[in-house]
Amino acid sequence: MAQEFELEAFQRDVKGKGASRRLRRVERKIPAIVYGGEGKDPMPITLWHNDLKKAIENEAFFTHIISLSIDGKKEDVIIKDLQRHPYKPILTHADFQRVEKGHKINVTVPVHFLNEESAPAIKLEGGVVSHDAMEVEVTCLPDDLPEYLEVDMNEVALEQIVHLSDLKLPKGVEIVALQHGEDHDQPVVSVHKPKGKKAEEAGGGGSADSDEEEGGEE
């Protein structure tokens, strides 16, 4: 997967809550950490707050290789965690993991549900959609990292459940949960009849029979 995101970063020497508050308030930066990589130590860094805030507006940022320019030296990373202020639109900290060619990475990617409005099971048969998983953790080499996975709802029938094992995966991509056995084959999406309709069908028109019996007694 080609790199599409670049961020400027700086090594951080001063640590602590006070220093972090100063970064955010005075310098308009946020603290972050870069970790991982064979034989490499974790590196505290800072980033321009607004640059990162703008980057995360794009969903693809979370599933792409990011090029960090740390004091002019490039590091390929993926974002692993992002902390936000509890009620202000402010980012407070970010975790980045180094990426190395030939080493697999685990990344949580979103699931896109295509043709949901026009799917026959929904539009024609009145089915109701239940989304059980909006994202899935996958493992793959950096170059094989997908931006997202797809489920075409046109292919999902009424009363059908799509599980993790049913997802179509790009070459070289595996779902982490399925590596732990069939018991982890969780549902992703399903289409069911509305509860009211199920109840009516289960009754089998019993109310009409009751009316006839009442009429006969008269």
N, C-alpha and C. Protein backbone atom coordinates (compact mmCIF):
# COMPACT_ATOMS: atom_id res chain seq x y z
N MET A 1 0.85 -1.19 0.00
CA MET A 1 0.00 0.00 0.00
C MET A 1 0.89 1.24 0.00
N ALA A 2 0.66 2.14 -0.91
CA ALA A 2 1.48 3.33 -1.02
C ALA A 2 1.24 4.27 0.14
N GLN A 3 2.30 4.99 0.53
CA GLN A 3 2.15 5.96 1.59
C GLN A 3 1.41 7.18 1.07
N GLU A 4 0.46 7.65 1.84
CA GLU A 4 -0.30 8.82 1.44
C GLU A 4 -0.30 9.89 2.52
N PHE A 5 0.25 9.58 3.68
CA PHE A 5 0.20 10.52 4.80
C PHE A 5 1.61 10.79 5.31
N GLU A 6 1.92 12.07 5.50
CA GLU A 6 3.20 12.48 6.06
C GLU A 6 2.95 13.49 7.17
N LEU A 7 3.68 13.35 8.26
CA LEU A 7 3.55 14.26 9.39
C LEU A 7 4.93 14.66 9.87
N GLU A 8 5.06 15.92 10.24
CA GLU A 8 6.31 16.41 10.81
C GLU A 8 6.29 16.16 12.32
N ALA A 9 7.41 15.69 12.85
CA ALA A 9 7.50 15.40 14.28
C ALA A 9 8.86 15.82 14.81
N PHE A 10 8.95 15.88 16.14
CA PHE A 10 10.17 16.33 16.79
C PHE A 10 10.44 15.46 18.02
N GLN A 11 11.70 15.12 18.24
CA GLN A 11 12.04 14.36 19.43
C GLN A 11 11.71 15.18 20.67
N ARG A 12 11.25 14.49 21.72
CA ARG A 12 10.81 15.17 22.94
C ARG A 12 11.70 14.72 24.09
N ASP A 13 12.32 15.71 24.72
CA ASP A 13 13.20 15.42 25.84
C ASP A 13 12.51 15.64 27.18
N VAL A 14 11.68 16.67 27.25
CA VAL A 14 11.01 17.00 28.51
C VAL A 14 9.73 16.20 28.62
N LYS A 15 9.52 15.57 29.78
CA LYS A 15 8.34 14.74 29.99
C LYS A 15 7.55 15.25 31.19
N GLY A 16 6.38 14.65 31.42
CA GLY A 16 5.56 15.02 32.55
C GLY A 16 4.31 15.76 32.14
N LYS A 17 3.33 15.80 33.05
CA LYS A 17 2.05 16.44 32.75
C LYS A 17 2.20 17.93 32.50
N GLY A 18 3.06 18.57 33.27
CA GLY A 18 3.26 20.01 33.10
C GLY A 18 3.81 20.34 31.73
N ALA A 19 4.80 19.56 31.29
CA ALA A 19 5.40 19.78 29.97
C ALA A 19 4.39 19.52 28.86
N SER A 20 3.55 18.49 29.07
CA SER A 20 2.54 18.17 28.06
C SER A 20 1.52 19.29 27.94
N ARG A 21 1.12 19.85 29.08
CA ARG A 21 0.16 20.95 29.04
C ARG A 21 0.76 22.16 28.32
N ARG A 22 2.03 22.41 28.56
CA ARG A 22 2.69 23.54 27.89
C ARG A 22 2.75 23.29 26.38
N LEU A 23 3.06 22.07 26.00
CA LEU A 23 3.09 21.74 24.57
C LEU A 23 1.78 22.08 23.90
N ARG A 24 0.69 21.65 24.53
CA ARG A 24 -0.63 21.84 23.91
C ARG A 24 -1.07 23.29 23.93
N ARG A 25 -0.78 23.98 25.03
CA ARG A 25 -1.28 25.34 25.20
C ARG A 25 -0.43 26.38 24.48
N VAL A 26 0.89 26.26 24.61
CA VAL A 26 1.79 27.29 24.08
C VAL A 26 2.30 26.95 22.69
N GLU A 27 2.76 25.73 22.49
CA GLU A 27 3.39 25.37 21.22
C GLU A 27 2.43 24.78 20.21
N ARG A 28 1.19 24.51 20.63
CA ARG A 28 0.19 23.91 19.74
C ARG A 28 0.63 22.55 19.21
N LYS A 29 1.33 21.81 20.07
CA LYS A 29 1.77 20.47 19.72
C LYS A 29 1.16 19.49 20.72
N ILE A 30 1.26 18.20 20.42
CA ILE A 30 0.84 17.18 21.38
C ILE A 30 1.96 16.17 21.56
N PRO A 31 2.06 15.55 22.74
CA PRO A 31 3.06 14.51 22.94
C PRO A 31 2.63 13.21 22.29
N ALA A 32 3.61 12.41 21.91
CA ALA A 32 3.33 11.11 21.29
C ALA A 32 4.52 10.19 21.56
N ILE A 33 4.36 8.93 21.20
CA ILE A 33 5.43 7.95 21.37
C ILE A 33 5.51 7.09 20.12
N VAL A 34 6.72 6.75 19.72
CA VAL A 34 6.96 5.81 18.62
C VAL A 34 7.65 4.59 19.22
N TYR A 35 7.09 3.40 19.00
CA TYR A 35 7.68 2.20 19.60
C TYR A 35 7.70 1.07 18.58
N GLY A 36 8.32 -0.05 18.97
CA GLY A 36 8.41 -1.20 18.09
C GLY A 36 9.65 -1.14 17.22
N GLY A 37 9.82 -2.17 16.43
CA GLY A 37 11.01 -2.25 15.59
C GLY A 37 12.11 -3.02 16.29
N GLU A 38 12.70 -3.94 15.57
CA GLU A 38 13.71 -4.81 16.17
C GLU A 38 14.93 -4.01 16.63
N GLY A 39 15.24 -4.10 17.91
CA GLY A 39 16.43 -3.44 18.45
C GLY A 39 16.30 -1.94 18.62
N LYS A 40 15.09 -1.41 18.49
CA LYS A 40 14.90 0.04 18.61
C LYS A 40 14.16 0.37 19.90
N ASP A 41 14.58 1.44 20.54
CA ASP A 41 13.95 1.89 21.77
C ASP A 41 12.75 2.77 21.47
N PRO A 42 11.78 2.82 22.38
CA PRO A 42 10.67 3.77 22.23
C PRO A 42 11.21 5.20 22.17
N MET A 43 10.58 6.03 21.35
CA MET A 43 11.04 7.40 21.16
C MET A 43 9.90 8.39 21.46
N PRO A 44 10.03 9.20 22.52
CA PRO A 44 9.03 10.25 22.77
C PRO A 44 9.17 11.35 21.72
N ILE A 45 8.05 11.77 21.17
CA ILE A 45 8.06 12.82 20.14
C ILE A 45 6.93 13.81 20.40
N THR A 46 6.93 14.88 19.62
CA THR A 46 5.81 15.81 19.59
C THR A 46 5.37 15.99 18.15
N LEU A 47 4.09 16.34 17.98
CA LEU A 47 3.50 16.58 16.65
C LEU A 47 2.72 17.88 16.68
N TRP A 48 2.58 18.51 15.52
CA TRP A 48 1.69 19.66 15.42
C TRP A 48 0.26 19.18 15.60
N HIS A 49 -0.42 19.74 16.57
CA HIS A 49 -1.79 19.31 16.89
C HIS A 49 -2.71 19.40 15.68
N ASN A 50 -2.72 20.53 15.01
CA ASN A 50 -3.68 20.74 13.92
C ASN A 50 -3.39 19.85 12.71
N ASP A 51 -2.10 19.53 12.50
CA ASP A 51 -1.76 18.63 11.39
C ASP A 51 -2.35 17.24 11.63
N LEU A 52 -2.20 16.75 12.86
CA LEU A 52 -2.74 15.44 13.18
C LEU A 52 -4.26 15.45 13.18
N LYS A 53 -4.85 16.51 13.71
CA LYS A 53 -6.30 16.62 13.75
C LYS A 53 -6.89 16.61 12.34
N LYS A 54 -6.23 17.29 11.42
CA LYS A 54 -6.70 17.29 10.03
C LYS A 54 -6.54 15.92 9.39
N ALA A 55 -5.43 15.24 9.70
CA ALA A 55 -5.16 13.93 9.09
C ALA A 55 -6.21 12.90 9.50
N ILE A 56 -6.64 12.93 10.76
CA ILE A 56 -7.57 11.89 11.23
C ILE A 56 -8.99 12.10 10.73
N GLU A 57 -9.24 13.23 10.07
CA GLU A 57 -10.55 13.43 9.45
C GLU A 57 -10.77 12.45 8.30
N ASN A 58 -9.67 11.92 7.78
CA ASN A 58 -9.72 10.94 6.70
C ASN A 58 -9.65 9.54 7.33
N GLU A 59 -10.70 8.74 7.14
CA GLU A 59 -10.75 7.39 7.71
C GLU A 59 -9.53 6.57 7.32
N ALA A 60 -9.01 6.80 6.13
CA ALA A 60 -7.89 6.01 5.62
C ALA A 60 -6.62 6.22 6.43
N PHE A 61 -6.53 7.29 7.17
CA PHE A 61 -5.33 7.57 7.97
C PHE A 61 -5.05 6.43 8.94
N PHE A 62 -6.11 5.80 9.44
CA PHE A 62 -5.96 4.76 10.46
C PHE A 62 -5.56 3.41 9.88
N THR A 63 -5.58 3.28 8.56
CA THR A 63 -5.22 2.00 7.93
C THR A 63 -4.17 2.18 6.84
N HIS A 64 -3.40 3.24 6.93
CA HIS A 64 -2.32 3.46 5.98
C HIS A 64 -0.99 3.59 6.71
N ILE A 65 0.07 3.31 5.99
CA ILE A 65 1.40 3.57 6.51
C ILE A 65 1.61 5.09 6.52
N ILE A 66 2.08 5.58 7.66
CA ILE A 66 2.30 7.02 7.82
C ILE A 66 3.80 7.27 7.83
N SER A 67 4.24 8.28 7.12
CA SER A 67 5.64 8.66 7.13
C SER A 67 5.83 9.80 8.13
N LEU A 68 6.50 9.49 9.24
CA LEU A 68 6.83 10.52 10.22
C LEU A 68 8.22 11.07 9.90
N SER A 69 8.31 12.37 9.77
CA SER A 69 9.61 13.01 9.60
C SER A 69 10.02 13.56 10.95
N ILE A 70 10.86 12.80 11.68
CA ILE A 70 11.26 13.16 13.04
C ILE A 70 12.59 13.89 12.97
N ASP A 71 12.52 15.20 13.13
CA ASP A 71 13.72 16.04 12.99
C ASP A 71 14.43 15.76 11.67
N GLY A 72 13.63 15.53 10.62
CA GLY A 72 14.18 15.30 9.28
C GLY A 72 14.46 13.86 8.94
N LYS A 73 14.39 12.95 9.93
CA LYS A 73 14.64 11.53 9.68
C LYS A 73 13.32 10.79 9.56
N LYS A 74 13.14 10.03 8.47
CA LYS A 74 11.87 9.38 8.18
C LYS A 74 11.70 8.07 8.97
N GLU A 75 10.50 7.87 9.49
CA GLU A 75 10.11 6.62 10.14
C GLU A 75 8.75 6.22 9.58
N ASP A 76 8.64 4.97 9.10
CA ASP A 76 7.34 4.45 8.66
C ASP A 76 6.62 3.86 9.86
N VAL A 77 5.38 4.31 10.08
CA VAL A 77 4.63 3.89 11.27
C VAL A 77 3.16 3.69 10.92
N ILE A 78 2.44 3.07 11.86
CA ILE A 78 0.98 3.07 11.83
C ILE A 78 0.52 3.62 13.17
N ILE A 79 -0.65 4.23 13.19
CA ILE A 79 -1.17 4.75 14.45
C ILE A 79 -1.87 3.62 15.19
N LYS A 80 -1.56 3.48 16.47
CA LYS A 80 -2.13 2.41 17.28
C LYS A 80 -3.10 2.91 18.34
N ASP A 81 -2.95 4.14 18.76
CA ASP A 81 -3.85 4.67 19.78
C ASP A 81 -3.87 6.19 19.70
N LEU A 82 -5.03 6.75 19.99
CA LEU A 82 -5.20 8.20 19.95
C LEU A 82 -6.08 8.61 21.11
N GLN A 83 -5.56 9.49 21.95
CA GLN A 83 -6.31 9.94 23.12
C GLN A 83 -6.81 11.36 22.88
N ARG A 84 -8.03 11.61 23.37
CA ARG A 84 -8.69 12.90 23.18
C ARG A 84 -9.12 13.47 24.52
N HIS A 85 -9.30 14.78 24.53
CA HIS A 85 -9.84 15.44 25.72
C HIS A 85 -11.28 14.97 25.91
N PRO A 86 -11.71 14.74 27.17
CA PRO A 86 -13.05 14.19 27.40
C PRO A 86 -14.21 15.02 26.86
N TYR A 87 -14.04 16.34 26.76
CA TYR A 87 -15.17 17.13 26.24
C TYR A 87 -14.76 18.27 25.30
N LYS A 88 -13.47 18.53 25.15
CA LYS A 88 -13.02 19.56 24.21
C LYS A 88 -12.54 18.88 22.92
N PRO A 89 -12.63 19.58 21.79
CA PRO A 89 -12.16 18.99 20.51
C PRO A 89 -10.64 19.06 20.40
N ILE A 90 -9.97 18.41 21.36
CA ILE A 90 -8.51 18.48 21.44
C ILE A 90 -7.94 17.07 21.54
N LEU A 91 -6.88 16.81 20.77
CA LEU A 91 -6.13 15.56 20.89
C LEU A 91 -5.09 15.72 21.99
N THR A 92 -4.87 14.69 22.77
CA THR A 92 -3.96 14.81 23.90
C THR A 92 -2.72 13.92 23.80
N HIS A 93 -2.79 12.81 23.07
CA HIS A 93 -1.63 11.93 22.97
C HIS A 93 -1.85 10.94 21.83
N ALA A 94 -0.75 10.48 21.22
CA ALA A 94 -0.84 9.49 20.14
C ALA A 94 0.26 8.45 20.30
N ASP A 95 -0.07 7.20 19.95
CA ASP A 95 0.91 6.11 19.94
C ASP A 95 1.10 5.65 18.50
N PHE A 96 2.35 5.54 18.08
CA PHE A 96 2.68 5.06 16.75
C PHE A 96 3.57 3.83 16.86
N GLN A 97 3.32 2.85 15.98
CA GLN A 97 4.15 1.65 15.95
C GLN A 97 4.99 1.64 14.68
N ARG A 98 6.28 1.38 14.82
CA ARG A 98 7.16 1.32 13.66
C ARG A 98 6.77 0.15 12.75
N VAL A 99 6.96 0.34 11.45
CA VAL A 99 6.65 -0.67 10.45
C VAL A 99 7.94 -1.07 9.75
N GLU A 100 8.15 -2.38 9.63
CA GLU A 100 9.34 -2.88 8.97
C GLU A 100 8.94 -3.85 7.86
N LYS A 101 9.58 -3.73 6.72
CA LYS A 101 9.31 -4.64 5.61
C LYS A 101 9.60 -6.08 6.03
N GLY A 102 8.72 -6.98 5.64
CA GLY A 102 8.91 -8.38 5.97
C GLY A 102 8.38 -8.78 7.33
N HIS A 103 7.87 -7.81 8.10
CA HIS A 103 7.29 -8.09 9.41
C HIS A 103 5.80 -7.77 9.39
N LYS A 104 4.99 -8.74 9.76
CA LYS A 104 3.55 -8.54 9.75
C LYS A 104 3.12 -7.56 10.84
N ILE A 105 2.02 -6.87 10.57
CA ILE A 105 1.45 -5.93 11.54
C ILE A 105 -0.02 -6.27 11.75
N ASN A 106 -0.52 -5.95 12.92
CA ASN A 106 -1.95 -6.10 13.23
C ASN A 106 -2.60 -4.73 13.21
N VAL A 107 -3.65 -4.60 12.42
CA VAL A 107 -4.33 -3.31 12.27
C VAL A 107 -5.83 -3.55 12.27
N THR A 108 -6.55 -2.69 12.94
CA THR A 108 -8.02 -2.75 12.92
C THR A 108 -8.53 -1.91 11.75
N VAL A 109 -9.24 -2.55 10.83
CA VAL A 109 -9.74 -1.86 9.63
C VAL A 109 -11.26 -1.81 9.65
N PRO A 110 -11.84 -0.76 9.08
CA PRO A 110 -13.31 -0.66 9.06
C PRO A 110 -13.93 -1.61 8.06
N VAL A 111 -15.22 -1.92 8.30
CA VAL A 111 -16.00 -2.72 7.36
C VAL A 111 -17.01 -1.79 6.69
N HIS A 112 -17.01 -1.78 5.36
CA HIS A 112 -17.96 -0.98 4.60
C HIS A 112 -19.08 -1.88 4.08
N PHE A 113 -20.31 -1.48 4.33
CA PHE A 113 -21.47 -2.26 3.89
C PHE A 113 -22.05 -1.61 2.64
N LEU A 114 -21.87 -2.26 1.49
CA LEU A 114 -22.26 -1.70 0.20
C LEU A 114 -23.71 -2.04 -0.14
N ASN A 115 -24.36 -1.15 -0.89
CA ASN A 115 -25.70 -1.38 -1.44
C ASN A 115 -26.75 -1.68 -0.37
N GLU A 116 -26.60 -1.09 0.78
CA GLU A 116 -27.52 -1.40 1.87
C GLU A 116 -28.95 -0.92 1.57
N GLU A 117 -29.08 0.23 0.92
CA GLU A 117 -30.41 0.78 0.64
C GLU A 117 -31.13 0.02 -0.47
N SER A 118 -30.37 -0.56 -1.40
CA SER A 118 -30.99 -1.21 -2.55
C SER A 118 -31.01 -2.74 -2.47
N ALA A 119 -30.44 -3.31 -1.43
CA ALA A 119 -30.37 -4.77 -1.32
C ALA A 119 -31.77 -5.38 -1.30
N PRO A 120 -32.03 -6.42 -2.11
CA PRO A 120 -33.36 -7.03 -2.18
C PRO A 120 -33.92 -7.47 -0.83
N ALA A 121 -33.08 -8.06 0.00
CA ALA A 121 -33.56 -8.56 1.30
C ALA A 121 -34.06 -7.43 2.18
N ILE A 122 -33.58 -6.21 1.92
CA ILE A 122 -33.97 -5.05 2.72
C ILE A 122 -35.08 -4.26 2.03
N LYS A 123 -34.84 -3.90 0.76
CA LYS A 123 -35.78 -3.04 0.05
C LYS A 123 -37.06 -3.77 -0.35
N LEU A 124 -36.94 -5.00 -0.83
CA LEU A 124 -38.10 -5.72 -1.34
C LEU A 124 -38.77 -6.61 -0.30
N GLU A 125 -37.97 -7.19 0.59
CA GLU A 125 -38.52 -8.13 1.56
C GLU A 125 -38.68 -7.55 2.96
N GLY A 126 -38.32 -6.27 3.11
CA GLY A 126 -38.54 -5.60 4.38
C GLY A 126 -37.64 -6.03 5.51
N GLY A 127 -36.48 -6.59 5.19
CA GLY A 127 -35.56 -7.04 6.22
C GLY A 127 -34.92 -5.89 6.98
N VAL A 128 -34.54 -6.16 8.22
CA VAL A 128 -33.88 -5.18 9.08
C VAL A 128 -32.43 -5.60 9.27
N VAL A 129 -31.51 -4.65 9.10
CA VAL A 129 -30.08 -4.94 9.20
C VAL A 129 -29.59 -4.80 10.63
N SER A 130 -28.76 -5.75 11.05
CA SER A 130 -28.07 -5.65 12.34
C SER A 130 -26.57 -5.67 12.08
N HIS A 131 -25.90 -4.58 12.42
CA HIS A 131 -24.45 -4.51 12.27
C HIS A 131 -23.80 -4.97 13.57
N ASP A 132 -23.12 -6.09 13.51
CA ASP A 132 -22.49 -6.64 14.71
C ASP A 132 -21.03 -6.24 14.83
N ALA A 133 -20.39 -5.93 13.71
CA ALA A 133 -18.98 -5.53 13.73
C ALA A 133 -18.75 -4.46 12.67
N MET A 134 -18.35 -3.29 13.11
CA MET A 134 -18.08 -2.19 12.18
C MET A 134 -16.60 -2.15 11.80
N GLU A 135 -15.76 -2.93 12.51
CA GLU A 135 -14.34 -2.99 12.19
C GLU A 135 -13.81 -4.36 12.58
N VAL A 136 -12.70 -4.74 11.96
CA VAL A 136 -12.13 -6.08 12.14
C VAL A 136 -10.62 -5.96 12.23
N GLU A 137 -10.01 -6.69 13.15
CA GLU A 137 -8.56 -6.69 13.25
C GLU A 137 -7.97 -7.70 12.28
N VAL A 138 -7.04 -7.24 11.46
CA VAL A 138 -6.39 -8.12 10.48
C VAL A 138 -4.89 -8.11 10.72
N THR A 139 -4.23 -9.12 10.16
CA THR A 139 -2.77 -9.19 10.20
C THR A 139 -2.25 -9.42 8.79
N CYS A 140 -1.19 -8.71 8.44
CA CYS A 140 -0.63 -8.81 7.09
C CYS A 140 0.70 -8.07 7.04
N LEU A 141 1.37 -8.20 5.92
CA LEU A 141 2.58 -7.41 5.68
C LEU A 141 2.17 -5.97 5.37
N PRO A 142 3.03 -5.01 5.65
CA PRO A 142 2.67 -3.60 5.43
C PRO A 142 2.15 -3.30 4.03
N ASP A 143 2.77 -3.90 3.01
CA ASP A 143 2.35 -3.61 1.63
C ASP A 143 0.98 -4.19 1.29
N ASP A 144 0.50 -5.13 2.09
CA ASP A 144 -0.80 -5.76 1.82
C ASP A 144 -1.94 -5.16 2.64
N LEU A 145 -1.65 -4.17 3.45
CA LEU A 145 -2.64 -3.61 4.37
C LEU A 145 -3.83 -3.02 3.61
N PRO A 146 -5.05 -3.54 3.83
CA PRO A 146 -6.23 -2.99 3.13
C PRO A 146 -6.75 -1.75 3.84
N GLU A 147 -7.32 -0.85 3.07
CA GLU A 147 -7.90 0.36 3.65
C GLU A 147 -9.19 0.02 4.40
N TYR A 148 -9.93 -0.96 3.88
CA TYR A 148 -11.16 -1.42 4.52
C TYR A 148 -11.55 -2.76 3.91
N LEU A 149 -12.52 -3.43 4.56
CA LEU A 149 -13.11 -4.65 4.02
C LEU A 149 -14.54 -4.35 3.60
N GLU A 150 -15.06 -5.12 2.66
CA GLU A 150 -16.40 -4.85 2.11
C GLU A 150 -17.34 -6.02 2.31
N VAL A 151 -18.61 -5.68 2.54
CA VAL A 151 -19.69 -6.66 2.49
C VAL A 151 -20.73 -6.11 1.53
N ASP A 152 -20.99 -6.82 0.45
CA ASP A 152 -22.02 -6.41 -0.52
C ASP A 152 -23.37 -6.92 -0.02
N MET A 153 -24.21 -6.02 0.44
CA MET A 153 -25.49 -6.42 1.01
C MET A 153 -26.44 -6.99 -0.04
N ASN A 154 -26.15 -6.77 -1.31
CA ASN A 154 -26.95 -7.40 -2.37
C ASN A 154 -26.84 -8.92 -2.31
N GLU A 155 -25.76 -9.42 -1.71
CA GLU A 155 -25.52 -10.85 -1.66
C GLU A 155 -25.99 -11.49 -0.36
N VAL A 156 -26.58 -10.68 0.51
CA VAL A 156 -27.03 -11.19 1.81
C VAL A 156 -28.55 -11.42 1.76
N ALA A 157 -28.97 -12.65 2.01
CA ALA A 157 -30.38 -13.00 1.94
C ALA A 157 -31.08 -12.72 3.27
N LEU A 158 -32.39 -12.69 3.22
CA LEU A 158 -33.19 -12.53 4.44
C LEU A 158 -32.92 -13.70 5.38
N GLU A 159 -32.74 -13.42 6.65
CA GLU A 159 -32.42 -14.39 7.70
C GLU A 159 -31.03 -15.00 7.54
N GLN A 160 -30.15 -14.28 6.85
CA GLN A 160 -28.77 -14.75 6.70
C GLN A 160 -27.85 -13.96 7.63
N ILE A 161 -26.86 -14.64 8.19
CA ILE A 161 -25.85 -14.02 9.04
C ILE A 161 -24.49 -14.13 8.35
N VAL A 162 -23.81 -13.02 8.17
CA VAL A 162 -22.47 -13.01 7.60
C VAL A 162 -21.46 -13.02 8.75
N HIS A 163 -20.61 -14.04 8.77
CA HIS A 163 -19.60 -14.18 9.82
C HIS A 163 -18.23 -13.71 9.32
N LEU A 164 -17.29 -13.63 10.24
CA LEU A 164 -15.93 -13.22 9.89
C LEU A 164 -15.36 -14.10 8.77
N SER A 165 -15.64 -15.40 8.85
CA SER A 165 -15.10 -16.33 7.85
C SER A 165 -15.71 -16.13 6.47
N ASP A 166 -16.80 -15.38 6.38
CA ASP A 166 -17.45 -15.12 5.09
C ASP A 166 -16.88 -13.89 4.39
N LEU A 167 -16.09 -13.11 5.08
CA LEU A 167 -15.56 -11.88 4.49
C LEU A 167 -14.55 -12.20 3.40
N LYS A 168 -14.60 -11.42 2.33
CA LYS A 168 -13.65 -11.57 1.23
C LYS A 168 -12.41 -10.75 1.57
N LEU A 169 -11.27 -11.43 1.65
CA LEU A 169 -10.03 -10.79 2.07
C LEU A 169 -9.06 -10.64 0.90
N PRO A 170 -8.35 -9.52 0.85
CA PRO A 170 -7.30 -9.38 -0.17
C PRO A 170 -6.19 -10.41 0.08
N LYS A 171 -5.40 -10.66 -0.93
CA LYS A 171 -4.30 -11.62 -0.83
C LYS A 171 -3.34 -11.21 0.28
N GLY A 172 -2.96 -12.18 1.09
CA GLY A 172 -1.98 -11.92 2.14
C GLY A 172 -2.56 -11.38 3.43
N VAL A 173 -3.89 -11.24 3.50
CA VAL A 173 -4.53 -10.66 4.68
C VAL A 173 -5.29 -11.76 5.43
N GLU A 174 -5.12 -11.81 6.74
CA GLU A 174 -5.83 -12.78 7.58
C GLU A 174 -6.54 -12.04 8.72
N ILE A 175 -7.62 -12.63 9.19
CA ILE A 175 -8.35 -12.06 10.32
C ILE A 175 -7.80 -12.65 11.61
N VAL A 176 -7.41 -11.79 12.52
CA VAL A 176 -6.74 -12.22 13.75
C VAL A 176 -7.61 -13.17 14.56
N ALA A 177 -8.89 -12.85 14.72
CA ALA A 177 -9.77 -13.67 15.55
C ALA A 177 -9.86 -15.10 15.06
N LEU A 178 -9.84 -15.30 13.74
CA LEU A 178 -9.99 -16.64 13.18
C LEU A 178 -8.75 -17.50 13.41
N GLN A 179 -7.65 -16.88 13.77
CA GLN A 179 -6.44 -17.65 14.06
C GLN A 179 -6.55 -18.37 15.40
N HIS A 180 -7.58 -18.01 16.17
CA HIS A 180 -7.77 -18.60 17.50
C HIS A 180 -8.84 -19.70 17.48
N GLY A 181 -9.33 -20.07 16.29
CA GLY A 181 -10.27 -21.17 16.20
C GLY A 181 -11.65 -20.76 15.77
N GLU A 182 -12.48 -21.77 15.45
CA GLU A 182 -13.83 -21.53 14.94
C GLU A 182 -14.73 -20.83 15.97
N ASP A 183 -14.43 -21.00 17.24
CA ASP A 183 -15.26 -20.38 18.28
C ASP A 183 -15.21 -18.86 18.21
N HIS A 184 -14.23 -18.33 17.49
CA HIS A 184 -14.07 -16.88 17.38
C HIS A 184 -14.63 -16.34 16.07
N ASP A 185 -15.37 -17.18 15.35
CA ASP A 185 -15.96 -16.75 14.08
C ASP A 185 -17.24 -15.95 14.36
N GLN A 186 -17.06 -14.70 14.71
CA GLN A 186 -18.15 -13.86 15.17
C GLN A 186 -18.99 -13.32 14.00
N PRO A 187 -20.27 -12.99 14.26
CA PRO A 187 -21.10 -12.38 13.21
C PRO A 187 -20.65 -10.95 12.90
N VAL A 188 -20.81 -10.57 11.66
CA VAL A 188 -20.46 -9.22 11.21
C VAL A 188 -21.72 -8.43 10.90
N VAL A 189 -22.63 -9.03 10.16
CA VAL A 189 -23.88 -8.35 9.80
C VAL A 189 -24.94 -9.41 9.50
N SER A 190 -26.20 -9.07 9.71
CA SER A 190 -27.28 -10.00 9.41
C SER A 190 -28.50 -9.21 8.97
N VAL A 191 -29.42 -9.91 8.30
CA VAL A 191 -30.68 -9.31 7.87
C VAL A 191 -31.80 -10.22 8.37
N HIS A 192 -32.70 -9.66 9.17
CA HIS A 192 -33.79 -10.43 9.75
C HIS A 192 -35.14 -9.77 9.45
N LYS A 193 -36.18 -10.57 9.53
CA LYS A 193 -37.53 -10.02 9.44
C LYS A 193 -37.80 -9.19 10.70
N PRO A 194 -38.60 -8.12 10.57
CA PRO A 194 -38.96 -7.34 11.76
C PRO A 194 -39.66 -8.22 12.78
N LYS A 195 -39.50 -7.92 14.06
CA LYS A 195 -40.08 -8.74 15.13
C LYS A 195 -41.59 -8.88 14.99
N GLY A 196 -42.26 -7.79 14.64
CA GLY A 196 -43.71 -7.83 14.49
C GLY A 196 -44.15 -8.78 13.40
N LYS A 197 -43.41 -8.79 12.31
CA LYS A 197 -43.75 -9.66 11.18
C LYS A 197 -43.54 -11.11 11.55
N LYS A 198 -42.47 -11.38 12.33
CA LYS A 198 -42.22 -12.75 12.77
C LYS A 198 -43.36 -13.25 13.65
N ALA A 199 -43.83 -12.37 14.51
CA ALA A 199 -44.91 -12.76 15.42
C ALA A 199 -46.19 -13.06 14.65
N GLU A 200 -46.49 -12.27 13.63
CA GLU A 200 -47.68 -12.49 12.82
C GLU A 200 -47.61 -13.85 12.12
N GLU A 201 -46.42 -14.15 11.55
CA GLU A 201 -46.27 -15.41 10.82
C GLU A 201 -46.33 -16.60 11.77
N ALA A 202 -45.80 -16.41 12.98
CA ALA A 202 -45.84 -17.49 13.97
C ALA A 202 -47.27 -17.77 14.39
N GLY A 203 -48.13 -16.72 14.41
CA GLY A 203 -49.53 -16.89 14.78
C GLY A 203 -50.32 -17.64 13.74
N GLY A 204 -49.87 -17.60 12.51
CA GLY A 204 -50.50 -18.35 11.42
C GLY A 204 -51.95 -17.99 11.18
N GLY A 205 -52.33 -16.70 11.42
CA GLY A 205 -53.71 -16.28 11.14
C GLY A 205 -54.69 -16.78 12.17
N GLY A 206 -54.22 -17.01 13.40
CA GLY A 206 -55.08 -17.52 14.45
C GLY A 206 -56.23 -16.61 14.77
N SER A 207 -56.07 -15.32 14.61
CA SER A 207 -57.14 -14.37 14.94
C SER A 207 -58.34 -14.54 14.02
N ALA A 208 -58.06 -14.89 12.75
CA ALA A 208 -59.16 -15.09 11.80
C ALA A 208 -59.97 -16.33 12.20
N ASP A 209 -59.26 -17.40 12.63
CA ASP A 209 -59.97 -18.61 13.05
C ASP A 209 -60.84 -18.34 14.26
N SER A 210 -60.33 -17.53 15.16
CA SER A 210 -61.09 -17.21 16.38
C SER A 210 -62.37 -16.48 16.04
N ASP A 211 -62.29 -15.57 15.06
CA ASP A 211 -63.47 -14.82 14.65
C ASP A 211 -64.54 -15.75 14.10
N GLU A 212 -64.09 -16.78 13.32
CA GLU A 212 -65.05 -17.70 12.73
C GLU A 212 -65.73 -18.52 13.79
N GLU A 213 -64.93 -18.94 14.81
CA GLU A 213 -65.52 -19.74 15.87
C GLU A 213 -66.54 -18.95 16.65
N GLU A 214 -66.22 -17.67 16.91
CA GLU A 214 -67.14 -16.82 17.63
C GLU A 214 -68.44 -16.65 16.86
N GLY A 215 -68.28 -16.49 15.53
CA GLY A 215 -69.46 -16.29 14.68
C GLY A 215 -70.35 -17.52 14.69
N GLY A 216 -69.73 -18.73 14.73
CA GLY A 216 -70.51 -19.95 14.70
C GLY A 216 -71.34 -20.11 15.98
N GLU A 217 -70.80 -19.66 17.11
CA GLU A 217 -71.54 -19.81 18.36
C GLU A 217 -72.81 -18.95 18.35
N GLU A 218 -72.76 -17.81 17.69
CA GLU A 218 -73.93 -16.96 17.62
C GLU A 218 -75.02 -17.63 16.76
